[in-house]
């Protein structure tokens, strides 16, 4: 894990779940009342995870509760995919990352993590309580999905954005040329200021990976981030971020200080 991050423990995560519960109750209870046409409305909403649902007294014995759970599942996973966190986690500056690489988890991992909540809950919530004793603060759902919950040691909402995250984040990157796979499901993360060795034999895909990071090639699948940005969609912003993060760095001859192309100049030696 990057030196500027820390694992998020049990009580902070309970607090995040309570925040989600309060937000959903205040915002969605009137709407749910209308949906159920004046009948008893549960206060479940898409920001919830199953832990929040139990805190609010939800059960699985009616079709309305089943509908609530489906809405809840879609909403939670959508938030995880978009922001790596529900609003409660965002408020405490936490996010979900891949346990091995520190990169953004795949959609498959996040769906598995959500389903893993039920594995954590059913045996008297033992899988949730596990967070309090685990060295990496993982619940059983985290272990099943291969994820951890982290936040910046500086804390605050900024930890869910660019600040506090890796400078370079590569997640399940793959590049194919026809039937040939040059880069096969590569994931890694590099913290700002970290010395990172990218080693491998000839033909391992090192150059291809660098070319994808520098937008010379497009990946077949997977995601790339530099300072929280997609280099293919934010070339100028990424160039500026790299120059800001690397003291004394200078732009190449074909790019000015704003990251815009310019006409290369050539020094001419004059003789008197």
Protein backbone atom coordinates (compact mmCIF):
# COMPACT_ATOMS: atom_id res chain seq x y z
CA UNK A 1 0.00 0.00 0.00
CA UNK A 2 1.18 3.52 -0.75
CA UNK A 3 2.88 5.26 2.17
CA UNK A 4 0.30 8.08 2.25
CA UNK A 5 -2.68 5.71 2.71
CA UNK A 6 -4.08 3.81 5.67
CA UNK A 7 -6.64 1.04 6.08
CA UNK A 8 -10.09 2.12 7.28
CA UNK A 9 -11.16 0.33 10.45
CA UNK A 10 -14.39 -1.08 11.81
CA UNK A 11 -15.89 1.92 13.61
CA UNK A 12 -15.20 4.34 10.77
CA UNK A 13 -16.95 1.98 8.39
CA UNK A 14 -19.91 1.61 10.75
CA UNK A 15 -20.05 5.40 10.86
CA UNK A 16 -20.08 5.55 7.05
CA UNK A 17 -22.96 3.05 6.96
CA UNK A 18 -24.90 5.16 9.48
CA UNK A 19 -24.33 8.26 7.36
CA UNK A 20 -25.73 6.42 4.33
CA UNK A 21 -28.73 5.35 6.42
CA UNK A 22 -29.46 8.90 7.56
CA UNK A 23 -29.06 10.37 4.07
CA UNK A 24 -31.34 7.82 2.48
CA UNK A 25 -33.98 8.19 5.19
CA UNK A 26 -34.11 11.98 4.92
CA UNK A 27 -34.03 12.12 1.12
CA UNK A 28 -35.93 9.03 -0.01
CA UNK A 29 -38.55 8.32 2.62
CA UNK A 30 -41.12 10.74 1.10
CA UNK A 31 -40.53 9.30 -2.38
CA UNK A 32 -40.88 5.71 -1.18
CA UNK A 33 -44.10 6.69 0.57
CA UNK A 34 -45.48 7.79 -2.79
CA UNK A 35 -44.23 4.65 -4.55
CA UNK A 36 -46.04 2.42 -2.06
CA UNK A 37 -49.17 4.59 -2.30
CA UNK A 38 -49.46 5.46 1.37
CA UNK A 39 -48.64 1.96 2.65
CA UNK A 40 -45.72 1.32 4.93
CA UNK A 41 -42.56 2.38 3.10
CA UNK A 42 -39.15 1.09 3.93
CA UNK A 43 -36.38 3.66 3.92
CA UNK A 44 -33.97 1.63 1.90
CA UNK A 45 -32.18 3.38 -0.94
CA UNK A 46 -29.42 2.86 -3.45
CA UNK A 47 -26.72 4.40 -1.25
CA UNK A 48 -27.19 1.60 1.25
CA UNK A 49 -25.14 -1.49 1.60
CA UNK A 50 -26.62 -4.54 3.36
CA UNK A 51 -25.07 -3.41 6.65
CA UNK A 52 -27.09 -0.18 6.47
CA UNK A 53 -30.18 -2.19 5.55
CA UNK A 54 -29.90 -4.28 8.71
CA UNK A 55 -29.30 -1.19 10.82
CA UNK A 56 -32.62 0.09 9.53
CA UNK A 57 -34.50 -3.10 10.33
CA UNK A 58 -34.98 -4.40 6.78
CA UNK A 59 -36.12 -7.97 6.18
CA UNK A 60 -36.59 -10.30 3.26
CA UNK A 61 -40.22 -11.37 3.84
CA UNK A 62 -42.11 -9.18 1.37
CA UNK A 63 -41.92 -8.27 -2.31
CA UNK A 64 -41.42 -4.63 -1.38
CA UNK A 65 -38.31 -5.59 0.57
CA UNK A 66 -37.03 -7.64 -2.36
CA UNK A 67 -37.56 -4.64 -4.65
CA UNK A 68 -35.75 -2.43 -2.14
CA UNK A 69 -32.81 -4.85 -2.07
CA UNK A 70 -32.54 -4.89 -5.86
CA UNK A 71 -32.60 -1.08 -6.02
CA UNK A 72 -30.08 -0.97 -3.20
CA UNK A 73 -27.74 -3.42 -4.95
CA UNK A 74 -27.83 -1.53 -8.25
CA UNK A 75 -27.23 1.81 -6.54
CA UNK A 76 -24.38 0.66 -4.32
CA UNK A 77 -22.51 -1.08 -7.14
CA UNK A 78 -23.05 1.95 -9.39
CA UNK A 79 -21.51 4.23 -6.76
CA UNK A 80 -18.62 1.83 -6.23
CA UNK A 81 -17.90 1.68 -9.96
CA UNK A 82 -18.13 5.46 -10.42
CA UNK A 83 -16.52 6.71 -7.20
CA UNK A 84 -15.15 3.60 -5.42
CA UNK A 85 -17.32 4.61 -2.46
CA UNK A 86 -20.84 5.32 -1.26
CA UNK A 87 -21.55 8.84 0.05
CA UNK A 88 -20.83 7.75 3.62
CA UNK A 89 -17.35 6.54 2.67
CA UNK A 90 -16.81 9.65 0.55
CA UNK A 91 -17.51 11.86 3.57
CA UNK A 92 -14.86 10.08 5.66
CA UNK A 93 -12.45 10.14 2.70
CA UNK A 94 -12.43 6.37 2.09
CA UNK A 95 -12.43 4.37 -1.11
CA UNK A 96 -12.33 0.73 -2.19
CA UNK A 97 -9.21 -0.49 -4.02
CA UNK A 98 -7.78 -3.74 -5.28
CA UNK A 99 -5.97 -5.44 -2.38
CA UNK A 100 -2.92 -6.44 -4.45
CA UNK A 101 -2.31 -3.49 -6.77
CA UNK A 102 -4.06 -0.59 -5.07
CA UNK A 103 -5.81 0.04 -8.40
CA UNK A 104 -9.51 0.59 -8.98
CA UNK A 105 -11.34 -2.75 -8.61
CA UNK A 106 -13.03 -4.27 -11.63
CA UNK A 107 -16.81 -4.32 -11.91
CA UNK A 108 -16.67 -8.08 -11.34
CA UNK A 109 -14.78 -7.56 -8.08
CA UNK A 110 -17.28 -4.97 -6.89
CA UNK A 111 -20.27 -7.19 -7.68
CA UNK A 112 -18.56 -10.04 -5.84
CA UNK A 113 -17.89 -7.70 -2.92
CA UNK A 114 -21.57 -6.77 -2.71
CA UNK A 115 -22.69 -10.40 -2.78
CA UNK A 116 -19.99 -11.12 -0.20
CA UNK A 117 -21.80 -8.85 2.26
CA UNK A 118 -24.41 -11.56 2.72
CA UNK A 119 -21.69 -14.09 3.47
CA UNK A 120 -20.37 -11.63 6.08
CA UNK A 121 -23.80 -10.95 7.58
CA UNK A 122 -25.41 -14.39 7.84
CA UNK A 123 -23.19 -15.94 10.56
CA UNK A 124 -24.20 -13.35 13.22
CA UNK A 125 -22.38 -10.59 11.28
CA UNK A 126 -19.06 -12.30 12.05
CA UNK A 127 -17.68 -11.37 8.62
CA UNK A 128 -18.32 -7.68 9.34
CA UNK A 129 -16.85 -7.87 12.84
CA UNK A 130 -13.76 -9.43 11.25
CA UNK A 131 -12.77 -5.93 10.10
CA UNK A 132 -11.98 -4.99 13.71
CA UNK A 133 -9.34 -7.72 14.07
CA UNK A 134 -7.92 -8.17 10.57
CA UNK A 135 -4.45 -6.63 9.97
CA UNK A 136 -5.65 -5.06 6.70
CA UNK A 137 -9.14 -4.27 8.06
CA UNK A 138 -10.77 -6.64 5.58
CA UNK A 139 -14.20 -8.13 6.13
CA UNK A 140 -15.03 -11.47 4.60
CA UNK A 141 -16.64 -9.64 1.66
CA UNK A 142 -13.32 -7.83 1.07
CA UNK A 143 -11.39 -11.09 1.18
CA UNK A 144 -13.78 -12.76 -1.25
CA UNK A 145 -13.51 -9.86 -3.71
CA UNK A 146 -9.80 -9.12 -3.19
CA UNK A 147 -10.38 -5.54 -2.01
CA UNK A 148 -9.42 -3.25 0.86
CA UNK A 149 -10.86 0.06 2.06
CA UNK A 150 -8.29 2.85 2.39
CA UNK A 151 -8.09 6.59 2.91
CA UNK A 152 -5.40 9.22 2.88
CA UNK A 153 -3.56 9.76 6.15
CA UNK A 154 -4.50 13.41 5.65
CA UNK A 155 -8.14 12.26 5.82
CA UNK A 156 -11.03 14.32 4.44
CA UNK A 157 -12.99 14.09 1.20
CA UNK A 158 -9.92 14.74 -0.93
CA UNK A 159 -8.78 11.17 -0.33
CA UNK A 160 -11.50 9.83 -2.63
CA UNK A 161 -10.36 12.04 -5.49
CA UNK A 162 -6.92 12.42 -6.98
CA UNK A 163 -5.17 13.44 -3.76
CA UNK A 164 -3.88 10.56 -1.70
CA UNK A 165 -4.12 8.11 -4.59
CA UNK A 166 -1.35 6.62 -6.72
CA UNK A 167 0.31 8.83 -9.32
CA UNK A 168 0.03 5.98 -11.84
CA UNK A 169 -2.71 3.38 -11.63
CA UNK A 170 -2.96 0.47 -14.08
CA UNK A 171 -5.84 -1.95 -13.66
CA UNK A 172 -6.25 -5.21 -15.59
CA UNK A 173 -4.58 -3.77 -18.67
CA UNK A 174 -4.60 -5.90 -21.82
CA UNK A 175 -3.36 -5.19 -25.34
CA UNK A 176 -3.89 -7.52 -28.28
CA UNK A 177 -2.62 -7.29 -31.85
CA UNK A 178 -4.92 -9.64 -33.71
CA UNK A 179 -4.54 -13.03 -32.04
CA UNK A 180 -1.31 -12.04 -30.29
CA UNK A 181 -1.57 -10.80 -26.68
CA UNK A 182 1.24 -8.36 -26.00
CA UNK A 183 0.08 -7.30 -22.52
CA UNK A 184 -2.06 -9.70 -20.50
CA UNK A 185 -4.11 -8.44 -17.51
CA UNK A 186 -1.44 -6.23 -15.92
CA UNK A 187 -2.23 -4.27 -12.73
CA UNK A 188 0.04 -2.05 -10.64
CA UNK A 189 0.09 1.30 -8.90
CA UNK A 190 2.91 3.79 -8.38
CA UNK A 191 2.72 6.38 -5.62
CA UNK A 192 3.96 9.94 -6.14
CA UNK A 193 7.67 10.07 -5.34
CA UNK A 194 8.00 6.27 -5.34
CA UNK A 195 10.90 4.61 -7.19
CA UNK A 196 9.29 1.86 -9.24
CA UNK A 197 11.16 -0.74 -11.31
CA UNK A 198 9.34 -2.04 -14.38
CA UNK A 199 11.29 -5.17 -15.27
CA UNK A 200 10.78 -8.16 -17.53
CA UNK A 201 12.37 -10.16 -20.36
CA UNK A 202 12.24 -9.09 -23.99
CA UNK A 203 8.72 -9.43 -25.32
CA UNK A 204 7.09 -9.21 -21.87
CA UNK A 205 5.10 -6.12 -22.87
CA UNK A 206 7.00 -3.37 -21.07
CA UNK A 207 7.28 -1.04 -24.04
CA UNK A 208 3.69 -1.69 -25.08
CA UNK A 209 2.51 -0.79 -21.58
CA UNK A 210 4.53 2.44 -21.59
CA UNK A 211 3.13 3.32 -25.00
CA UNK A 212 -0.39 2.88 -23.65
CA UNK A 213 0.43 5.09 -20.67
CA UNK A 214 1.72 7.77 -23.01
CA UNK A 215 -1.31 7.46 -25.37
CA UNK A 216 0.75 6.12 -28.29
CA UNK A 217 -1.38 2.97 -28.18
CA UNK A 218 -4.93 2.33 -27.01
CA UNK A 219 -5.57 -0.61 -24.67
CA UNK A 220 -7.79 -3.48 -25.73
CA UNK A 221 -9.24 -3.59 -22.23
CA UNK A 222 -8.49 -2.39 -18.73
CA UNK A 223 -8.00 1.11 -17.34
CA UNK A 224 -5.14 3.59 -17.04
CA UNK A 225 -4.90 6.62 -14.77
CA UNK A 226 -2.18 9.21 -14.30
CA UNK A 227 -2.82 11.52 -11.36
CA UNK A 228 -6.44 10.36 -11.43
CA UNK A 229 -6.94 11.13 -15.13
CA UNK A 230 -7.31 8.99 -18.23
CA UNK A 231 -4.24 9.89 -20.34
CA UNK A 232 -6.05 9.21 -23.64
CA UNK A 233 -8.87 11.63 -22.81
CA UNK A 234 -6.81 14.25 -20.93
CA UNK A 235 -3.45 14.44 -22.72
CA UNK A 236 -2.73 18.10 -21.94
CA UNK A 237 -3.87 17.87 -18.32
CA UNK A 238 -1.80 14.73 -17.76
CA UNK A 239 1.27 16.41 -19.28
CA UNK A 240 0.80 19.38 -16.96
CA UNK A 241 0.31 17.12 -13.95
CA UNK A 242 3.50 15.20 -14.68
CA UNK A 243 5.49 18.41 -14.98
CA UNK A 244 4.03 19.62 -11.69
CA UNK A 245 4.83 16.36 -9.91
CA UNK A 246 8.36 15.96 -11.29
CA UNK A 247 10.55 18.86 -10.07
CA UNK A 248 12.79 20.33 -12.74
CA UNK A 249 11.11 18.45 -15.55
CA UNK A 250 10.94 20.21 -18.91
CA UNK A 251 8.56 19.63 -21.80
CA UNK A 252 9.79 17.96 -24.94
CA UNK A 253 10.66 20.09 -27.92
CA UNK A 254 7.27 19.53 -29.55
CA UNK A 255 5.16 20.61 -26.55
CA UNK A 256 5.01 23.98 -24.83
CA UNK A 257 4.50 24.59 -21.10
CA UNK A 258 0.73 24.45 -21.47
CA UNK A 259 0.92 21.01 -23.04
CA UNK A 260 0.04 22.33 -26.51
CA UNK A 261 1.89 21.37 -29.68
CA UNK A 262 4.39 23.90 -30.99
CA UNK A 263 6.78 24.14 -33.88
CA UNK A 264 10.11 22.63 -32.96
CA UNK A 265 12.97 25.10 -32.99
CA UNK A 266 16.47 24.24 -33.94
CA UNK A 267 19.52 25.99 -32.57
CA UNK A 268 21.67 27.47 -35.38
CA UNK A 269 25.34 27.97 -34.85
CA UNK A 270 26.58 31.24 -36.29
CA UNK A 271 30.18 31.93 -37.11
CA UNK A 272 31.42 35.49 -37.21
